[in-house]
Protein backbone atom coordinates (compact mmCIF):
# COMPACT_ATOMS: atom_id res chain seq x y z
CA MET A 1 32.01 16.59 12.23
CA GLU A 2 29.82 13.75 11.65
CA ALA A 3 26.40 12.25 10.88
CA SER A 4 23.75 12.61 13.48
CA PRO A 5 22.16 12.42 15.46
CA ARG A 6 24.15 9.48 16.71
CA GLY A 7 26.12 10.50 19.80
CA ARG A 8 25.13 11.55 23.13
CA PHE A 9 24.84 15.42 22.93
CA ASP A 10 24.04 15.57 19.21
CA HIS A 11 21.89 18.75 18.34
CA HIS A 12 20.65 17.82 15.00
CA PRO A 13 17.14 17.50 14.06
CA ALA A 14 15.72 14.09 15.47
CA GLY A 15 14.96 11.02 13.20
CA GLU A 16 17.23 9.00 10.78
CA VAL A 17 20.81 9.32 11.56
CA ARG A 18 22.36 11.17 8.24
CA GLU A 19 23.81 14.20 7.27
CA HIS A 20 22.04 17.40 8.24
CA GLU A 21 22.84 20.32 6.13
CA GLY A 22 24.40 22.95 8.55
CA TYR A 23 24.81 20.55 11.90
CA GLY A 24 27.75 19.58 12.91
CA ILE A 25 29.70 18.66 16.32
CA CYS A 26 33.14 17.50 17.21
CA TYR A 27 33.82 15.20 20.68
CA LEU A 28 36.86 16.21 22.61
CA GLY A 29 38.84 15.06 25.59
CA GLY A 30 41.30 17.31 27.75
CA THR A 31 43.67 14.34 27.76
CA LEU A 32 44.85 11.54 25.67
CA LYS A 33 43.45 9.26 28.90
CA SER A 34 40.09 11.16 28.72
CA CYS A 35 40.01 10.35 24.78
CA ILE A 36 40.54 6.81 24.97
CA ALA A 37 38.29 6.36 27.80
CA GLU A 38 35.57 8.10 26.47
CA THR A 39 36.09 6.15 22.91
CA CYS A 40 36.87 2.90 24.42
CA LEU A 41 34.80 1.98 27.28
CA THR A 42 31.44 2.90 25.98
CA SER A 43 28.29 0.43 25.39
CA TYR A 44 27.83 2.06 21.95
CA PRO A 45 30.55 0.52 19.40
CA THR A 46 32.09 3.27 17.61
CA ASP A 47 34.50 3.44 14.53
CA TYR A 48 37.54 3.86 16.40
CA ALA A 49 37.06 0.99 19.08
CA VAL A 50 34.76 -2.04 19.64
CA ASN A 51 34.29 -4.00 22.74
CA GLY A 52 37.70 -2.83 24.70
CA VAL A 53 39.77 -2.58 21.37
CA LEU A 54 41.42 0.71 20.70
CA LYS A 55 42.43 -0.04 16.33
CA SER A 56 46.16 1.36 16.13
CA ASP A 57 45.70 2.76 12.80
CA ARG A 58 43.63 5.91 14.32
CA ILE A 59 45.61 9.27 14.81
CA LEU A 60 45.35 11.84 17.59
CA VAL A 61 44.54 15.48 16.90
CA GLU A 62 45.72 18.38 18.92
CA VAL A 63 43.37 21.34 18.74
CA GLU A 64 44.11 24.77 19.40
CA LEU A 65 41.65 27.27 20.41
CA LEU A 66 41.55 30.56 18.45
CA ARG A 67 39.37 32.33 21.10
CA ASP A 68 37.39 31.43 24.17
CA LEU A 69 34.17 29.45 23.33
CA GLU A 70 30.90 29.75 25.34
CA LEU A 71 30.15 26.45 26.53
CA LEU A 72 27.41 25.47 28.24
CA ASP A 73 29.09 24.06 31.58
CA LEU A 74 27.63 20.74 33.04
CA THR A 75 30.55 20.12 35.50
CA GLY A 76 29.67 20.74 39.26
CA ASP A 77 26.58 22.63 39.90
CA GLY A 78 26.15 23.01 36.46
CA PRO A 79 23.26 20.62 35.45
CA LEU A 80 21.04 22.12 38.45
CA LEU A 81 21.79 25.58 37.67
CA ALA A 82 20.78 24.97 33.45
CA GLY A 83 17.86 23.64 34.70
CA THR A 84 18.25 19.64 34.65
CA PHE A 85 20.04 17.17 37.11
CA GLN A 86 23.63 15.21 36.84
CA GLY A 87 21.78 11.94 35.71
CA ILE A 88 21.12 13.80 32.30
CA LEU A 89 24.89 12.96 31.91
CA ASP A 90 24.50 9.40 31.99
CA GLU A 91 26.10 6.93 29.50
CA TYR A 92 22.97 5.06 29.90
CA GLN A 93 20.52 7.78 29.43
CA LYS A 94 18.73 7.28 26.38
CA ARG A 95 20.53 8.95 23.50
CA SER A 96 17.28 10.74 22.43
CA THR A 97 16.68 12.23 25.88
CA THR A 98 19.80 13.60 25.57
CA GLN A 99 20.08 14.60 22.16
CA ALA A 100 16.55 16.34 22.68
CA TRP A 101 18.54 18.25 25.79
CA ALA A 102 21.05 18.94 23.32
CA ARG A 103 18.94 20.28 20.87
CA ARG A 104 16.73 22.58 23.60
CA PHE A 105 20.19 24.61 24.67
CA TYR A 106 21.22 24.80 21.00
CA HIS A 107 18.28 26.63 19.79
CA ASN A 108 17.21 28.06 22.91
CA PRO A 109 19.91 30.12 24.92
CA TYR A 110 19.77 29.71 28.47
CA ALA A 111 20.80 32.17 31.73
CA GLU A 112 22.18 35.88 30.32
CA CYS A 113 20.66 34.74 26.88
CA LYS A 114 24.39 33.13 25.32
CA VAL A 115 24.46 31.25 22.32
CA ILE A 116 26.39 28.21 23.27
CA ASP A 117 29.33 26.96 21.03
CA GLY A 118 29.49 23.53 22.59
CA ILE A 119 29.01 21.73 26.08
CA GLN A 120 31.66 20.93 28.59
CA TRP A 121 30.79 17.71 31.02
CA PRO A 122 32.22 15.51 33.06
CA ALA A 123 33.46 12.17 31.60
CA SER A 124 31.29 9.42 33.17
CA LYS A 125 34.40 6.89 32.77
CA ASN A 126 36.88 8.96 34.66
CA GLY A 127 35.17 12.45 35.65
CA GLU A 128 37.74 14.60 33.48
CA THR A 129 36.18 17.23 31.72
CA VAL A 130 35.12 16.44 27.97
CA TYR A 131 33.63 18.70 24.98
CA ALA A 132 31.37 18.83 22.33
CA ARG A 133 31.90 21.83 19.84
CA TYR A 134 28.97 22.81 17.83
CA GLU A 135 29.35 23.84 14.14
CA ARG A 136 29.17 27.40 15.01
CA ALA A 137 32.72 27.05 16.83
CA ARG A 138 34.42 25.48 13.66
CA GLU A 139 36.42 28.58 12.83
CA TRP A 140 37.88 28.66 15.96
CA LEU A 141 39.13 25.35 16.48
CA LYS A 142 42.82 24.91 14.49
CA ILE A 143 44.37 21.70 13.70
CA LYS A 144 47.29 21.55 15.69
CA SER A 145 49.06 18.66 15.17
CA THR A 146 47.96 14.95 13.85
CA THR A 147 50.07 11.84 15.41
CA LYS A 148 49.48 8.74 14.50
CA LEU A 149 48.72 6.04 17.82
CA THR A 150 51.69 4.11 16.81
CA LYS A 151 54.07 6.78 16.45
CA ARG A 152 56.54 6.88 19.48
CA PRO A 153 56.82 8.30 22.14
CA LEU A 154 52.78 8.75 22.09
CA GLN A 155 52.48 4.75 21.41
CA LEU A 156 54.23 4.37 24.76
CA GLU A 157 51.52 6.14 26.75
CA VAL A 158 48.77 4.59 24.41
CA LEU A 159 50.00 1.66 25.43
CA ARG A 160 50.64 2.55 28.91
CA ILE A 161 46.65 3.98 29.11
CA CYS A 162 45.24 0.55 27.28
CA ASP A 163 47.06 -1.49 30.28
CA GLU A 164 45.46 0.66 32.90
CA TYR A 165 41.73 0.39 31.11
CA ARG A 166 42.48 -3.44 30.23
CA LEU A 167 42.10 -2.54 26.68
CA ILE A 168 43.72 -4.13 23.56
CA PHE A 169 45.39 -1.99 21.22
CA ASP A 170 45.04 -3.91 18.20
């Protein structure tokens, strides 16, 4: 979990980017392809990729869910059902806007008064479902495996995806 608010759906208190006691968020992709797309095809530089370059010293972490999580579903008609619109998911939306929106749903449950463990939405890059898990879901996420991106056969798949997306694997 990282210092925030920085990411699109960080729910941490507004203001300067720093550690916030009791808050955390973990962004996940459902597939390796969505992880690479969301990490590398962004206008926001990250610790993992800059300007279309995926750093080869990174690892893939596979996570197992120990129970079903309560997620705010922003796929399909989800945004309308939650009282907002699909445009809130736009990568180019101001981060302060999407973060304020995430704080609203984190602190004020919606619909059947559910407390949400995170959000799922269609990735802006390739439409695959991606996820943000809040700190309240931490105990229900278990690291299943970790693999260096340079380890075969994973490296071959990473290279294929980088080639498809015209990324440099360095």
